[in-house]
């Protein structure tokens, strides 16, 4: 093995660290989606606007490719 090739132990260490970070992100996302964390005022406003438009039948959907970034 040359000095430029990663050691298998180092690769496994990096994979475990990445997996740990992914697990933490998944937990954060799950808490938000399940509703464990209450939405902030901006999220509540957006939800209320969405529900109002949904009830009135005035929702318009656009392809993501047409939206500005």
N, C-alpha and C. Protein backbone atom coordinates (compact mmCIF):
# COMPACT_ATOMS: atom_id res chain seq x y z
N UNK A 1 0.85 -1.17 0.00
CA UNK A 1 0.00 0.00 0.00
C UNK A 1 0.89 1.24 0.00
N UNK A 2 0.57 2.20 -0.85
CA UNK A 2 1.37 3.41 -0.92
C UNK A 2 0.83 4.45 0.04
N UNK A 3 1.57 5.51 0.24
CA UNK A 3 1.18 6.57 1.17
C UNK A 3 -0.06 7.32 0.68
N UNK A 4 -0.31 7.32 -0.63
CA UNK A 4 -1.45 8.07 -1.14
C UNK A 4 -2.76 7.28 -1.04
N UNK A 5 -2.69 5.97 -0.84
CA UNK A 5 -3.89 5.16 -0.71
C UNK A 5 -4.37 5.20 0.74
N UNK A 6 -5.68 5.39 0.92
CA UNK A 6 -6.18 5.42 2.29
C UNK A 6 -6.15 4.03 2.92
N UNK A 7 -5.92 4.02 4.18
CA UNK A 7 -5.91 2.80 4.96
C UNK A 7 -7.37 2.38 5.17
N UNK A 8 -7.66 1.10 5.14
CA UNK A 8 -9.02 0.60 5.30
C UNK A 8 -9.62 1.06 6.64
N UNK A 9 -8.82 1.09 7.68
CA UNK A 9 -9.30 1.55 8.98
C UNK A 9 -9.73 3.02 8.91
N UNK A 10 -8.95 3.83 8.19
CA UNK A 10 -9.30 5.25 8.06
C UNK A 10 -10.59 5.43 7.27
N UNK A 11 -10.76 4.63 6.24
CA UNK A 11 -11.98 4.69 5.43
C UNK A 11 -13.18 4.31 6.28
N UNK A 12 -13.06 3.24 7.04
CA UNK A 12 -14.16 2.81 7.90
C UNK A 12 -14.48 3.86 8.96
N UNK A 13 -13.46 4.51 9.49
CA UNK A 13 -13.66 5.57 10.48
C UNK A 13 -14.46 6.72 9.86
N UNK A 14 -14.12 7.11 8.65
CA UNK A 14 -14.83 8.18 7.95
C UNK A 14 -16.27 7.78 7.65
N UNK A 15 -16.48 6.54 7.24
CA UNK A 15 -17.84 6.05 6.96
C UNK A 15 -18.68 6.09 8.23
N UNK A 16 -18.12 5.66 9.33
CA UNK A 16 -18.87 5.69 10.60
C UNK A 16 -19.21 7.12 11.01
N UNK A 17 -18.28 8.04 10.82
CA UNK A 17 -18.53 9.44 11.16
C UNK A 17 -19.64 10.01 10.29
N UNK A 18 -19.60 9.70 9.00
CA UNK A 18 -20.65 10.17 8.09
C UNK A 18 -22.00 9.57 8.46
N UNK A 19 -22.01 8.30 8.79
CA UNK A 19 -23.27 7.64 9.16
C UNK A 19 -23.87 8.28 10.41
N UNK A 20 -23.02 8.62 11.35
CA UNK A 20 -23.47 9.28 12.57
C UNK A 20 -24.12 10.63 12.25
N UNK A 21 -23.51 11.38 11.35
CA UNK A 21 -24.06 12.68 10.96
C UNK A 21 -25.38 12.51 10.22
N UNK A 22 -25.46 11.52 9.36
CA UNK A 22 -26.70 11.25 8.62
C UNK A 22 -27.80 10.87 9.60
N UNK A 23 -27.49 10.05 10.58
CA UNK A 23 -28.48 9.66 11.59
C UNK A 23 -29.01 10.88 12.34
N UNK A 24 -28.11 11.78 12.70
CA UNK A 24 -28.54 12.99 13.41
C UNK A 24 -29.45 13.84 12.53
N UNK A 25 -29.10 13.99 11.26
CA UNK A 25 -29.94 14.75 10.34
C UNK A 25 -31.29 14.10 10.16
N UNK A 26 -31.32 12.78 10.05
CA UNK A 26 -32.60 12.07 9.92
C UNK A 26 -33.47 12.30 11.14
N UNK A 27 -32.88 12.30 12.33
CA UNK A 27 -33.65 12.55 13.55
C UNK A 27 -34.24 13.95 13.56
N UNK A 28 -33.46 14.93 13.13
CA UNK A 28 -33.96 16.30 13.07
C UNK A 28 -35.13 16.40 12.10
N UNK A 29 -34.97 15.82 10.93
CA UNK A 29 -36.02 15.86 9.93
C UNK A 29 -37.27 15.16 10.42
N UNK A 30 -37.10 14.02 11.05
CA UNK A 30 -38.24 13.25 11.54
C UNK A 30 -39.01 14.04 12.59
N UNK A 31 -38.30 14.70 13.48
CA UNK A 31 -38.96 15.50 14.51
C UNK A 31 -39.78 16.63 13.89
N UNK A 32 -39.26 17.25 12.85
CA UNK A 32 -39.98 18.33 12.17
C UNK A 32 -41.21 17.79 11.46
N UNK A 33 -41.05 16.68 10.75
CA UNK A 33 -42.15 16.14 9.97
C UNK A 33 -43.25 15.55 10.84
N UNK A 34 -42.88 14.95 11.95
CA UNK A 34 -43.85 14.34 12.83
C UNK A 34 -44.54 15.40 13.68
N UNK A 35 -43.92 16.53 13.85
CA UNK A 35 -44.53 17.61 14.59
C UNK A 35 -44.06 17.73 16.03
N UNK A 36 -42.99 17.06 16.36
CA UNK A 36 -42.45 17.17 17.70
C UNK A 36 -41.97 18.59 17.98
N UNK A 37 -41.44 19.22 16.94
CA UNK A 37 -40.98 20.60 17.05
C UNK A 37 -42.05 21.47 16.42
N UNK A 38 -42.50 22.46 17.17
CA UNK A 38 -43.55 23.33 16.65
C UNK A 38 -42.98 24.25 15.59
N UNK A 39 -43.77 24.53 14.54
CA UNK A 39 -43.28 25.42 13.48
C UNK A 39 -43.12 26.85 14.00
N UNK A 40 -42.15 27.56 13.44
CA UNK A 40 -41.96 28.95 13.84
C UNK A 40 -43.03 29.82 13.16
N UNK A 41 -43.01 31.13 13.42
CA UNK A 41 -44.09 32.00 12.93
C UNK A 41 -44.13 32.05 11.40
N UNK A 42 -42.98 31.97 10.75
CA UNK A 42 -42.95 32.00 9.28
C UNK A 42 -43.54 30.72 8.70
N UNK A 43 -43.22 29.59 9.32
CA UNK A 43 -43.78 28.32 8.88
C UNK A 43 -45.29 28.28 9.10
N UNK A 44 -45.75 28.80 10.25
CA UNK A 44 -47.21 28.84 10.52
C UNK A 44 -47.92 29.70 9.49
N UNK A 45 -47.32 30.83 9.13
CA UNK A 45 -47.91 31.72 8.13
C UNK A 45 -48.01 31.01 6.78
N UNK A 46 -46.93 30.33 6.39
CA UNK A 46 -46.93 29.62 5.11
C UNK A 46 -47.96 28.50 5.10
N UNK A 47 -48.08 27.79 6.21
CA UNK A 47 -49.07 26.71 6.31
C UNK A 47 -50.48 27.27 6.20
N UNK A 48 -50.73 28.38 6.90
CA UNK A 48 -52.06 29.00 6.86
C UNK A 48 -52.41 29.46 5.46
N UNK A 49 -51.44 30.08 4.76
CA UNK A 49 -51.67 30.53 3.38
C UNK A 49 -51.95 29.34 2.46
N UNK A 50 -51.20 28.27 2.63
CA UNK A 50 -51.40 27.08 1.82
C UNK A 50 -52.80 26.51 2.04
N UNK A 51 -53.18 26.37 3.31
CA UNK A 51 -54.49 25.80 3.62
C UNK A 51 -55.63 26.67 3.09
N UNK A 52 -55.47 27.98 3.17
CA UNK A 52 -56.49 28.90 2.66
C UNK A 52 -56.65 28.73 1.15
N UNK A 53 -55.52 28.68 0.44
CA UNK A 53 -55.58 28.50 -1.02
C UNK A 53 -56.12 27.13 -1.39
N UNK A 54 -55.78 26.13 -0.60
CA UNK A 54 -56.25 24.77 -0.87
C UNK A 54 -57.78 24.70 -0.74
N UNK A 55 -58.32 25.31 0.30
CA UNK A 55 -59.77 25.31 0.51
C UNK A 55 -60.50 26.07 -0.59
N UNK A 56 -59.91 27.17 -1.05
CA UNK A 56 -60.57 27.99 -2.07
C UNK A 56 -60.34 27.45 -3.48
N UNK A 57 -59.47 26.44 -3.62
CA UNK A 57 -59.19 25.86 -4.94
C UNK A 57 -58.29 26.74 -5.79
N UNK A 58 -57.54 27.62 -5.18
CA UNK A 58 -56.68 28.55 -5.92
C UNK A 58 -55.20 28.18 -5.88
N UNK A 59 -54.92 26.93 -5.63
CA UNK A 59 -53.53 26.50 -5.63
C UNK A 59 -53.01 26.38 -7.05
N UNK A 60 -51.83 26.88 -7.27
CA UNK A 60 -51.20 26.75 -8.58
C UNK A 60 -49.84 26.10 -8.39
N UNK A 61 -49.61 25.10 -9.19
CA UNK A 61 -48.33 24.40 -9.12
C UNK A 61 -47.52 24.72 -10.37
N UNK A 62 -46.22 24.88 -10.19
CA UNK A 62 -45.32 25.16 -11.30
C UNK A 62 -44.17 24.17 -11.23
N UNK A 63 -43.65 23.78 -12.39
CA UNK A 63 -42.48 22.90 -12.38
C UNK A 63 -41.31 23.58 -11.67
N UNK A 64 -40.56 22.82 -10.92
CA UNK A 64 -39.42 23.38 -10.20
C UNK A 64 -38.42 24.04 -11.15
N UNK A 65 -38.35 23.54 -12.37
CA UNK A 65 -37.40 24.11 -13.33
C UNK A 65 -37.78 25.55 -13.71
N UNK A 66 -39.04 25.94 -13.49
CA UNK A 66 -39.47 27.29 -13.82
C UNK A 66 -39.29 28.27 -12.66
N UNK A 67 -39.02 27.78 -11.48
CA UNK A 67 -38.86 28.64 -10.33
C UNK A 67 -37.47 29.25 -10.29
N UNK A 68 -37.40 30.49 -9.83
CA UNK A 68 -36.10 31.15 -9.69
C UNK A 68 -35.45 30.67 -8.41
N UNK A 69 -34.14 30.60 -8.44
CA UNK A 69 -33.42 30.18 -7.24
C UNK A 69 -33.13 31.35 -6.36
